[in-house]
Amino acid sequence: MDFAKIVLEHVSKIPCGKVLTYKELASATGRPRAYRAVGNALHHNPRPLEVPCHRVIKSDGRVGGYIYGSKKKIGLLRQEGIKIEHGRIRNFTK
């Protein structure tokens, strides 16, 4: 299976109201240093409404990019109950 499919498979398992970092997702695929490749795979997500790539954030708690824009990503995360202040997940610790 190619890397992008593995990434999307893992992302599809992130529950509503939860987030993972690009780095955590890379580790889950067995390639812990491939966090930029994770971002690239998500950027090319062919089913962004079905595979919730908006639940993947940066390691410092910032929301990061999204195919429909960061404002849409923030809106989706807030709808799921995630608190965001100034573009960061509130009380984010890793």
PDB file of N, CA and C in Angstrom:
ATOM      1  N   MET A   1       0.857  -1.178   0.000  1.00  0.00           N
ATOM      2  CA  MET A   1       0.000   0.000   0.000  1.00  0.00           C
ATOM      3  C   MET A   1       0.899   1.236   0.000  1.00  0.00           C
ATOM      4  N   ASP A   2       0.525   2.251  -0.777  1.00  0.00           N
ATOM      5  CA  ASP A   2       1.388   3.430  -0.819  1.00  0.00           C
ATOM      6  C   ASP A   2       1.193   4.297   0.421  1.00  0.00           C
ATOM      7  N   PHE A   3       2.171   5.139   0.682  1.00  0.00           N
ATOM      8  CA  PHE A   3       2.210   5.924   1.912  1.00  0.00           C
ATOM      9  C   PHE A   3       0.963   6.794   2.079  1.00  0.00           C
ATOM     10  N   ALA A   4       0.537   7.460   1.023  1.00  0.00           N
ATOM     11  CA  ALA A   4      -0.631   8.342   1.116  1.00  0.00           C
ATOM     12  C   ALA A   4      -1.878   7.570   1.549  1.00  0.00           C
ATOM     13  N   LYS A   5      -2.063   6.370   1.039  1.00  0.00           N
ATOM     14  CA  LYS A   5      -3.225   5.563   1.424  1.00  0.00           C
ATOM     15  C   LYS A   5      -3.149   5.166   2.892  1.00  0.00           C
ATOM     16  N   ILE A   6      -1.947   4.858   3.355  1.00  0.00           N
ATOM     17  CA  ILE A   6      -1.760   4.511   4.767  1.00  0.00           C
ATOM     18  C   ILE A   6      -2.103   5.710   5.642  1.00  0.00           C
ATOM     19  N   VAL A   7      -1.637   6.888   5.252  1.00  0.00           N
ATOM     20  CA  VAL A   7      -1.925   8.115   6.002  1.00  0.00           C
ATOM     21  C   VAL A   7      -3.438   8.335   6.069  1.00  0.00           C
ATOM     22  N   LEU A   8      -4.104   8.273   4.941  1.00  0.00           N
ATOM     23  CA  LEU A   8      -5.546   8.515   4.904  1.00  0.00           C
ATOM     24  C   LEU A   8      -6.314   7.476   5.712  1.00  0.00           C
ATOM     25  N   GLU A   9      -5.833   6.254   5.720  1.00  0.00           N
ATOM     26  CA  GLU A   9      -6.463   5.204   6.529  1.00  0.00           C
ATOM     27  C   GLU A   9      -6.371   5.556   8.019  1.00  0.00           C
ATOM     28  N   HIS A  10      -5.202   6.020   8.452  1.00  0.00           N
ATOM     29  CA  HIS A  10      -5.030   6.411   9.861  1.00  0.00           C
ATOM     30  C   HIS A  10      -5.886   7.630  10.202  1.00  0.00           C
ATOM     31  N   VAL A  11      -5.924   8.600   9.307  1.00  0.00           N
ATOM     32  CA  VAL A  11      -6.711   9.816   9.548  1.00  0.00           C
ATOM     33  C   VAL A  11      -8.191   9.480   9.673  1.00  0.00           C
ATOM     34  N   SER A  12      -8.654   8.545   8.890  1.00  0.00           N
ATOM     35  CA  SER A  12     -10.078   8.189   8.937  1.00  0.00           C
ATOM     36  C   SER A  12     -10.478   7.589  10.286  1.00  0.00           C
ATOM     37  N   LYS A  13      -9.507   7.204  11.093  1.00  0.00           N
ATOM     38  CA  LYS A  13      -9.780   6.613  12.407  1.00  0.00           C
ATOM     39  C   LYS A  13      -9.699   7.617  13.553  1.00  0.00           C
ATOM     40  N   ILE A  14      -9.356   8.877  13.265  1.00  0.00           N
ATOM     41  CA  ILE A  14      -9.299   9.894  14.319  1.00  0.00           C
ATOM     42  C   ILE A  14     -10.734  10.236  14.701  1.00  0.00           C
ATOM     43  N   PRO A  15     -11.102  10.040  15.967  1.00  0.00           N
ATOM     44  CA  PRO A  15     -12.493  10.293  16.364  1.00  0.00           C
ATOM     45  C   PRO A  15     -12.844  11.784  16.355  1.00  0.00           C
ATOM     46  N   CYS A  16     -14.104  12.051  16.174  1.00  0.00           N
ATOM     47  CA  CYS A  16     -14.629  13.406  16.229  1.00  0.00           C
ATOM     48  C   CYS A  16     -14.266  14.037  17.578  1.00  0.00           C
ATOM     49  N   GLY A  17     -13.782  15.280  17.537  1.00  0.00           N
ATOM     50  CA  GLY A  17     -13.417  15.975  18.765  1.00  0.00           C
ATOM     51  C   GLY A  17     -12.000  15.710  19.233  1.00  0.00           C
ATOM     52  N   LYS A  18     -11.235  14.934  18.478  1.00  0.00           N
ATOM     53  CA  LYS A  18      -9.842  14.623  18.808  1.00  0.00           C
ATOM     54  C   LYS A  18      -8.948  15.082  17.663  1.00  0.00           C
ATOM     55  N   VAL A  19      -7.691  15.331  17.982  1.00  0.00           N
ATOM     56  CA  VAL A  19      -6.714  15.710  16.962  1.00  0.00           C
ATOM     57  C   VAL A  19      -5.442  14.895  17.137  1.00  0.00           C
ATOM     58  N   LEU A  20      -4.693  14.786  16.057  1.00  0.00           N
ATOM     59  CA  LEU A  20      -3.335  14.231  16.075  1.00  0.00           C
ATOM     60  C   LEU A  20      -2.435  15.248  15.403  1.00  0.00           C
ATOM     61  N   THR A  21      -1.161  15.217  15.747  1.00  0.00           N
ATOM     62  CA  THR A  21      -0.216  16.074  15.054  1.00  0.00           C
ATOM     63  C   THR A  21       0.298  15.345  13.813  1.00  0.00           C
ATOM     64  N   TYR A  22       0.865  16.121  12.896  1.00  0.00           N
ATOM     65  CA  TYR A  22       1.474  15.520  11.711  1.00  0.00           C
ATOM     66  C   TYR A  22       2.551  14.521  12.135  1.00  0.00           C
ATOM     67  N   LYS A  23       3.292  14.883  13.177  1.00  0.00           N
ATOM     68  CA  LYS A  23       4.363  14.013  13.669  1.00  0.00           C
ATOM     69  C   LYS A  23       3.803  12.709  14.258  1.00  0.00           C
ATOM     70  N   GLU A  24       2.746  12.810  15.052  1.00  0.00           N
ATOM     71  CA  GLU A  24       2.117  11.611  15.618  1.00  0.00           C
ATOM     72  C   GLU A  24       1.585  10.706  14.510  1.00  0.00           C
ATOM     73  N   LEU A  25       1.011  11.324  13.509  1.00  0.00           N
ATOM     74  CA  LEU A  25       0.487  10.554  12.383  1.00  0.00           C
ATOM     75  C   LEU A  25       1.611   9.868  11.625  1.00  0.00           C
ATOM     76  N   ALA A  26       2.717  10.563  11.437  1.00  0.00           N
ATOM     77  CA  ALA A  26       3.879   9.956  10.773  1.00  0.00           C
ATOM     78  C   ALA A  26       4.362   8.744  11.567  1.00  0.00           C
ATOM     79  N   SER A  27       4.441   8.888  12.884  1.00  0.00           N
ATOM     80  CA  SER A  27       4.861   7.768  13.735  1.00  0.00           C
ATOM     81  C   SER A  27       3.901   6.593  13.622  1.00  0.00           C
ATOM     82  N   ALA A  28       2.608   6.895  13.552  1.00  0.00           N
ATOM     83  CA  ALA A  28       1.600   5.832  13.441  1.00  0.00           C
ATOM     84  C   ALA A  28       1.738   5.046  12.140  1.00  0.00           C
ATOM     85  N   THR A  29       2.296   5.668  11.117  1.00  0.00           N
ATOM     86  CA  THR A  29       2.488   4.976   9.843  1.00  0.00           C
ATOM     87  C   THR A  29       3.764   4.145   9.825  1.00  0.00           C
ATOM     88  N   GLY A  30       4.580   4.294  10.875  1.00  0.00           N
ATOM     89  CA  GLY A  30       5.851   3.580  10.919  1.00  0.00           C
ATOM     90  C   GLY A  30       7.004   4.380  10.331  1.00  0.00           C
ATOM     91  N   ARG A  31       6.732   5.635   9.974  1.00  0.00           N
ATOM     92  CA  ARG A  31       7.767   6.509   9.414  1.00  0.00           C
ATOM     93  C   ARG A  31       7.801   7.808  10.215  1.00  0.00           C
ATOM     94  N   PRO A  32       8.377   7.784  11.416  1.00  0.00           N
ATOM     95  CA  PRO A  32       8.282   8.901  12.351  1.00  0.00           C
ATOM     96  C   PRO A  32       8.867  10.227  11.866  1.00  0.00           C
ATOM     97  N   ARG A  33       9.733  10.195  10.892  1.00  0.00           N
ATOM     98  CA  ARG A  33      10.313  11.453  10.403  1.00  0.00           C
ATOM     99  C   ARG A  33       9.626  11.962   9.135  1.00  0.00           C
ATOM    100  N   ALA A  34       8.553  11.320   8.741  1.00  0.00           N
ATOM    101  CA  ALA A  34       7.873  11.660   7.485  1.00  0.00           C
ATOM    102  C   ALA A  34       6.700  12.617   7.673  1.00  0.00           C
ATOM    103  N   TYR A  35       6.788  13.515   8.647  1.00  0.00           N
ATOM    104  CA  TYR A  35       5.663  14.411   8.922  1.00  0.00           C
ATOM    105  C   TYR A  35       5.374  15.361   7.772  1.00  0.00           C
ATOM    106  N   ARG A  36       6.384  15.765   7.011  1.00  0.00           N
ATOM    107  CA  ARG A  36       6.134  16.609   5.836  1.00  0.00           C
ATOM    108  C   ARG A  36       5.430  15.802   4.742  1.00  0.00           C
ATOM    109  N   ALA A  37       5.788  14.541   4.609  1.00  0.00           N
ATOM    110  CA  ALA A  37       5.117  13.672   3.638  1.00  0.00           C
ATOM    111  C   ALA A  37       3.659  13.446   4.042  1.00  0.00           C
ATOM    112  N   VAL A  38       3.394  13.421   5.346  1.00  0.00           N
ATOM    113  CA  VAL A  38       2.019  13.318   5.842  1.00  0.00           C
ATOM    114  C   VAL A  38       1.233  14.544   5.374  1.00  0.00           C
ATOM    115  N   GLY A  39       1.810  15.713   5.568  1.00  0.00           N
ATOM    116  CA  GLY A  39       1.151  16.944   5.124  1.00  0.00           C
ATOM    117  C   GLY A  39       0.868  16.929   3.636  1.00  0.00           C
ATOM    118  N   ASN A  40       1.823  16.444   2.866  1.00  0.00           N
ATOM    119  CA  ASN A  40       1.641  16.360   1.421  1.00  0.00           C
ATOM    120  C   ASN A  40       0.513  15.382   1.066  1.00  0.00           C
ATOM    121  N   ALA A  41       0.468  14.260   1.737  1.00  0.00           N
ATOM    122  CA  ALA A  41      -0.595  13.283   1.494  1.00  0.00           C
ATOM    123  C   ALA A  41      -1.963  13.885   1.817  1.00  0.00           C
ATOM    124  N   LEU A  42      -2.034  14.635   2.910  1.00  0.00           N
ATOM    125  CA  LEU A  42      -3.300  15.250   3.292  1.00  0.00           C
ATOM    126  C   LEU A  42      -3.701  16.354   2.321  1.00  0.00           C
ATOM    127  N   HIS A  43      -2.719  17.067   1.800  1.00  0.00           N
ATOM    128  CA  HIS A  43      -2.992  18.123   0.825  1.00  0.00           C
ATOM    129  C   HIS A  43      -3.646  17.552  -0.435  1.00  0.00           C
ATOM    130  N   HIS A  44      -3.335  16.308  -0.729  1.00  0.00           N
ATOM    131  CA  HIS A  44      -3.886  15.644  -1.911  1.00  0.00           C
ATOM    132  C   HIS A  44      -5.017  14.666  -1.571  1.00  0.00           C
ATOM    133  N   ASN A  45      -5.622  14.832  -0.403  1.00  0.00           N
ATOM    134  CA  ASN A  45      -6.730  13.982   0.034  1.00  0.00           C
ATOM    135  C   ASN A  45      -7.879  14.092  -0.978  1.00  0.00           C
ATOM    136  N   PRO A  46      -8.213  13.012  -1.662  1.00  0.00           N
ATOM    137  CA  PRO A  46      -9.283  13.079  -2.669  1.00  0.00           C
ATOM    138  C   PRO A  46     -10.693  13.131  -2.070  1.00  0.00           C
ATOM    139  N   ARG A  47     -10.821  12.853  -0.768  1.00  0.00           N
ATOM    140  CA  ARG A  47     -12.135  12.818  -0.113  1.00  0.00           C
ATOM    141  C   ARG A  47     -12.093  13.578   1.216  1.00  0.00           C
ATOM    142  N   PRO A  48     -11.843  14.897   1.184  1.00  0.00           N
ATOM    143  CA  PRO A  48     -11.666  15.641   2.439  1.00  0.00           C
ATOM    144  C   PRO A  48     -12.900  15.678   3.336  1.00  0.00           C
ATOM    145  N   LEU A  49     -14.068  15.467   2.782  1.00  0.00           N
ATOM    146  CA  LEU A  49     -15.257  15.459   3.629  1.00  0.00           C
ATOM    147  C   LEU A  49     -15.472  14.110   4.300  1.00  0.00           C
ATOM    148  N   GLU A  50     -14.919  13.059   3.727  1.00  0.00           N
ATOM    149  CA  GLU A  50     -15.039  11.716   4.296  1.00  0.00           C
ATOM    150  C   GLU A  50     -13.852  11.362   5.185  1.00  0.00           C
ATOM    151  N   VAL A  51     -12.663  11.772   4.773  1.00  0.00           N
ATOM    152  CA  VAL A  51     -11.434  11.512   5.532  1.00  0.00           C
ATOM    153  C   VAL A  51     -11.084  12.823   6.243  1.00  0.00           C
ATOM    154  N   PRO A  52     -11.264  12.879   7.570  1.00  0.00           N
ATOM    155  CA  PRO A  52     -11.215  14.139   8.319  1.00  0.00           C
ATOM    156  C   PRO A  52      -9.806  14.704   8.539  1.00  0.00           C
ATOM    157  N   CYS A  53      -9.182  15.141   7.458  1.00  0.00           N
ATOM    158  CA  CYS A  53      -7.817  15.657   7.579  1.00  0.00           C
ATOM    159  C   CYS A  53      -7.767  16.966   8.367  1.00  0.00           C
ATOM    160  N   HIS A  54      -8.917  17.580   8.630  1.00  0.00           N
ATOM    161  CA  HIS A  54      -8.926  18.785   9.461  1.00  0.00           C
ATOM    162  C   HIS A  54      -8.552  18.466  10.914  1.00  0.00           C
ATOM    163  N   ARG A  55      -8.520  17.201  11.280  1.00  0.00           N
ATOM    164  CA  ARG A  55      -8.173  16.789  12.651  1.00  0.00           C
ATOM    165  C   ARG A  55      -6.669  16.596  12.848  1.00  0.00           C
ATOM    166  N   VAL A  56      -5.879  16.978  11.874  1.00  0.00           N
ATOM    167  CA  VAL A  56      -4.425  16.867  11.977  1.00  0.00           C
ATOM    168  C   VAL A  56      -3.862  18.280  12.112  1.00  0.00           C
ATOM    169  N   ILE A  57      -3.050  18.483  13.162  1.00  0.00           N
ATOM    170  CA  ILE A  57      -2.535  19.813  13.485  1.00  0.00           C
ATOM    171  C   ILE A  57      -1.011  19.781  13.614  1.00  0.00           C
ATOM    172  N   LYS A  58      -0.440  20.964  13.760  1.00  0.00           N
ATOM    173  CA  LYS A  58       1.011  21.078  13.936  1.00  0.00           C
ATOM    174  C   LYS A  58       1.406  20.696  15.366  1.00  0.00           C
ATOM    175  N   SER A  59       2.656  20.329  15.537  1.00  0.00           N
ATOM    176  CA  SER A  59       3.150  19.863  16.846  1.00  0.00           C
ATOM    177  C   SER A  59       3.106  20.934  17.930  1.00  0.00           C
ATOM    178  N   ASP A  60       3.072  22.202  17.525  1.00  0.00           N
ATOM    179  CA  ASP A  60       3.029  23.279  18.519  1.00  0.00           C
ATOM    180  C   ASP A  60       1.605  23.710  18.856  1.00  0.00           C
ATOM    181  N   GLY A  61       0.614  22.985  18.327  1.00  0.00           N
ATOM    182  CA  GLY A  61      -0.781  23.289  18.620  1.00  0.00           C
ATOM    183  C   GLY A  61      -1.464  24.194  17.612  1.00  0.00           C
ATOM    184  N   ARG A  62      -0.702  24.757  16.671  1.00  0.00           N
ATOM    185  CA  ARG A  62      -1.327  25.576  15.627  1.00  0.00           C
ATOM    186  C   ARG A  62      -2.115  24.655  14.699  1.00  0.00           C
ATOM    187  N   VAL A  63      -3.188  25.190  14.132  1.00  0.00           N
ATOM    188  CA  VAL A  63      -4.060  24.334  13.328  1.00  0.00           C
ATOM    189  C   VAL A  63      -3.437  23.928  12.007  1.00  0.00           C
ATOM    190  N   GLY A  64      -2.597  24.741  11.424  1.00  0.00           N
ATOM    191  CA  GLY A  64      -1.972  24.387  10.152  1.00  0.00           C
ATOM    192  C   GLY A  64      -2.916  24.603   8.983  1.00  0.00           C
ATOM    193  N   GLY A  65      -2.518  24.099   7.819  1.00  0.00           N
ATOM    194  CA  GLY A  65      -3.275  24.317   6.600  1.00  0.00           C
ATOM    195  C   GLY A  65      -4.422  23.335   6.424  1.00  0.00           C
ATOM    196  N   TYR A  66      -5.226  23.647   5.418  1.00  0.00           N
ATOM    197  CA  TYR A  66      -6.377  22.801   5.093  1.00  0.00           C
ATOM    198  C   TYR A  66      -6.764  23.092   3.653  1.00  0.00           C
ATOM    199  N   ILE A  67      -7.208  22.075   2.966  1.00  0.00           N
ATOM    200  CA  ILE A  67      -7.545  22.203   1.550  1.00  0.00           C
ATOM    201  C   ILE A  67      -8.590  23.305   1.299  1.00  0.00           C
ATOM    202  N   TYR A  68      -9.494  23.534   2.235  1.00  0.00           N
ATOM    203  CA  TYR A  68     -10.520  24.572   2.098  1.00  0.00           C
ATOM    204  C   TYR A  68     -10.177  25.841   2.872  1.00  0.00           C
ATOM    205  N   GLY A  69      -8.961  25.943   3.356  1.00  0.00           N
ATOM    206  CA  GLY A  69      -8.511  27.124   4.088  1.00  0.00           C
ATOM    207  C   GLY A  69      -8.552  26.938   5.592  1.00  0.00           C
ATOM    208  N   SER A  70      -7.686  27.677   6.274  1.00  0.00           N
ATOM    209  CA  SER A  70      -7.571  27.508   7.724  1.00  0.00           C
ATOM    210  C   SER A  70      -8.824  27.966   8.470  1.00  0.00           C
ATOM    211  N   LYS A  71      -9.547  28.964   7.948  1.00  0.00           N
ATOM    212  CA  LYS A  71     -10.784  29.400   8.616  1.00  0.00           C
ATOM    213  C   LYS A  71     -11.810  28.265   8.635  1.00  0.00           C
ATOM    214  N   LYS A  72     -11.914  27.549   7.533  1.00  0.00           N
ATOM    215  CA  LYS A  72     -12.843  26.406   7.464  1.00  0.00           C
ATOM    216  C   LYS A  72     -12.395  25.308   8.431  1.00  0.00           C
ATOM    217  N   LYS A  73     -11.078  25.064   8.500  1.00  0.00           N
ATOM    218  CA  LYS A  73     -10.540  24.045   9.404  1.00  0.00           C
ATOM    219  C   LYS A  73     -10.866  24.406  10.848  1.00  0.00           C
ATOM    220  N   ILE A  74     -10.661  25.659  11.200  1.00  0.00           N
ATOM    221  CA  ILE A  74     -10.967  26.117  12.561  1.00  0.00           C
ATOM    222  C   ILE A  74     -12.461  25.943  12.850  1.00  0.00           C
ATOM    223  N   GLY A  75     -13.298  26.286  11.881  1.00  0.00           N
ATOM    224  CA  GLY A  75     -14.742  26.128  12.057  1.00  0.00           C
ATOM    225  C   GLY A  75     -15.135  24.679  12.280  1.00  0.00           C
ATOM    226  N   LEU A  76     -14.559  23.771  11.506  1.00  0.00           N
ATOM    227  CA  LEU A  76     -14.862  22.342  11.665  1.00  0.00           C
ATOM    228  C   LEU A  76     -14.413  21.835  13.033  1.00  0.00           C
ATOM    229  N   LEU A  77     -13.219  22.232  13.452  1.00  0.00           N
ATOM    230  CA  LEU A  77     -12.716  21.795  14.759  1.00  0.00           C
ATOM    231  C   LEU A  77     -13.589  22.343  15.880  1.00  0.00           C
ATOM    232  N   ARG A  78     -14.002  23.592  15.758  1.00  0.00           N
ATOM    233  CA  ARG A  78     -14.882  24.175  16.790  1.00  0.00           C
ATOM    234  C   ARG A  78     -16.218  23.454  16.834  1.00  0.00           C
ATOM    235  N   GLN A  79     -16.755  23.074  15.673  1.00  0.00           N
ATOM    236  CA  GLN A  79     -18.016  22.322  15.638  1.00  0.00           C
ATOM    237  C   GLN A  79     -17.886  20.997  16.384  1.00  0.00           C
ATOM    238  N   GLU A  80     -16.673  20.464  16.429  1.00  0.00           N
ATOM    239  CA  GLU A  80     -16.432  19.193  17.114  1.00  0.00           C
ATOM    240  C   GLU A  80     -16.088  19.395  18.591  1.00  0.00           C
ATOM    241  N   GLY A  81     -16.144  20.641  19.049  1.00  0.00           N
ATOM    242  CA  GLY A  81     -15.924  20.926  20.461  1.00  0.00           C
ATOM    243  C   GLY A  81     -14.491  21.250  20.842  1.00  0.00           C
ATOM    244  N   ILE A  82     -13.634  21.444  19.868  1.00  0.00           N
ATOM    245  CA  ILE A  82     -12.234  21.766  20.153  1.00  0.00           C
ATOM    246  C   ILE A  82     -12.104  23.279  20.311  1.00  0.00           C
ATOM    247  N   LYS A  83     -11.511  23.701  21.410  1.00  0.00           N
ATOM    248  CA  LYS A  83     -11.334  25.120  21.707  1.00  0.00           C
ATOM    249  C   LYS A  83     -10.085  25.650  21.005  1.00  0.00           C
ATOM    250  N   ILE A  84     -10.243  26.758  20.298  1.00  0.00           N
ATOM    251  CA  ILE A  84      -9.136  27.347  19.552  1.00  0.00           C
ATOM    252  C   ILE A  84      -9.052  28.832  19.880  1.00  0.00           C
ATOM    253  N   GLU A  85      -7.848  29.279  20.194  1.00  0.00           N
ATOM    254  CA  GLU A  85      -7.594  30.690  20.451  1.00  0.00           C
ATOM    255  C   GLU A  85      -6.380  31.122  19.654  1.00  0.00           C
ATOM    256  N   HIS A  86      -6.544  32.175  18.875  1.00  0.00           N
ATOM    257  CA  HIS A  86      -5.439  32.739  18.082  1.00  0.00           C
ATOM    258  C   HIS A  86      -4.773  31.682  17.194  1.00  0.00           C
ATOM    259  N   GLY A  87      -5.590  30.822  16.588  1.00  0.00           N
ATOM    260  CA  GLY A  87      -5.073  29.829  15.656  1.00  0.00           C
ATOM    261  C   GLY A  87      -4.406  28.626  16.293  1.00  0.00           C
ATOM    262  N   ARG A  88      -4.537  28.461  17.598  1.00  0.00           N
ATOM    263  CA  ARG A  88      -3.954  27.328  18.323  1.00  0.00           C
ATOM    264  C   ARG A  88      -5.024  26.602  19.113  1.00  0.00           C
ATOM    265  N   ILE A  89      -4.807  25.302  19.265  1.00  0.00           N
ATOM    266  CA  ILE A  89      -5.676  24.511  20.118  1.00  0.00           C
ATOM    267  C   ILE A  89      -5.429  24.963  21.555  1.00  0.00           C
ATOM    268  N   ARG A  90      -6.500  25.360  22.246  1.00  0.00           N
ATOM    269  CA  ARG A  90      -6.362  25.843  23.618  1.00  0.00           C
ATOM    270  C   ARG A  90      -5.932  24.703  24.534  1.00  0.00           C
ATOM    271  N   ASN A  91      -5.007  25.003  25.426  1.00  0.00           N
ATOM    272  CA  ASN A  91      -4.484  24.034  26.399  1.00  0.00           C
ATOM    273  C   ASN A  91      -3.820  22.840  25.728  1.00  0.00           C
ATOM    274  N   PHE A  92      -3.265  23.050  24.545  1.00  0.00           N
ATOM    275  CA  PHE A  92      -2.603  21.962  23.823  1.00  0.00           C
ATOM    276  C   PHE A  92      -1.250  21.689  24.458  1.00  0.00           C
ATOM    277  N   THR A  93      -1.005  20.426  24.816  1.00  0.00           N
ATOM    278  CA  THR A  93       0.296  20.022  25.346  1.00  0.00           C
ATOM    279  C   THR A  93       0.697  18.717  24.694  1.00  0.00           C
ATOM    280  N   LYS A  94       1.909  18.666  24.261  1.00  0.00           N
ATOM    281  CA  LYS A  94       2.477  17.441  23.697  1.00  0.00           C
ATOM    282  C   LYS A  94       3.893  17.327  24.162  1.00  0.00           C
TER     283      LYS A  94
END
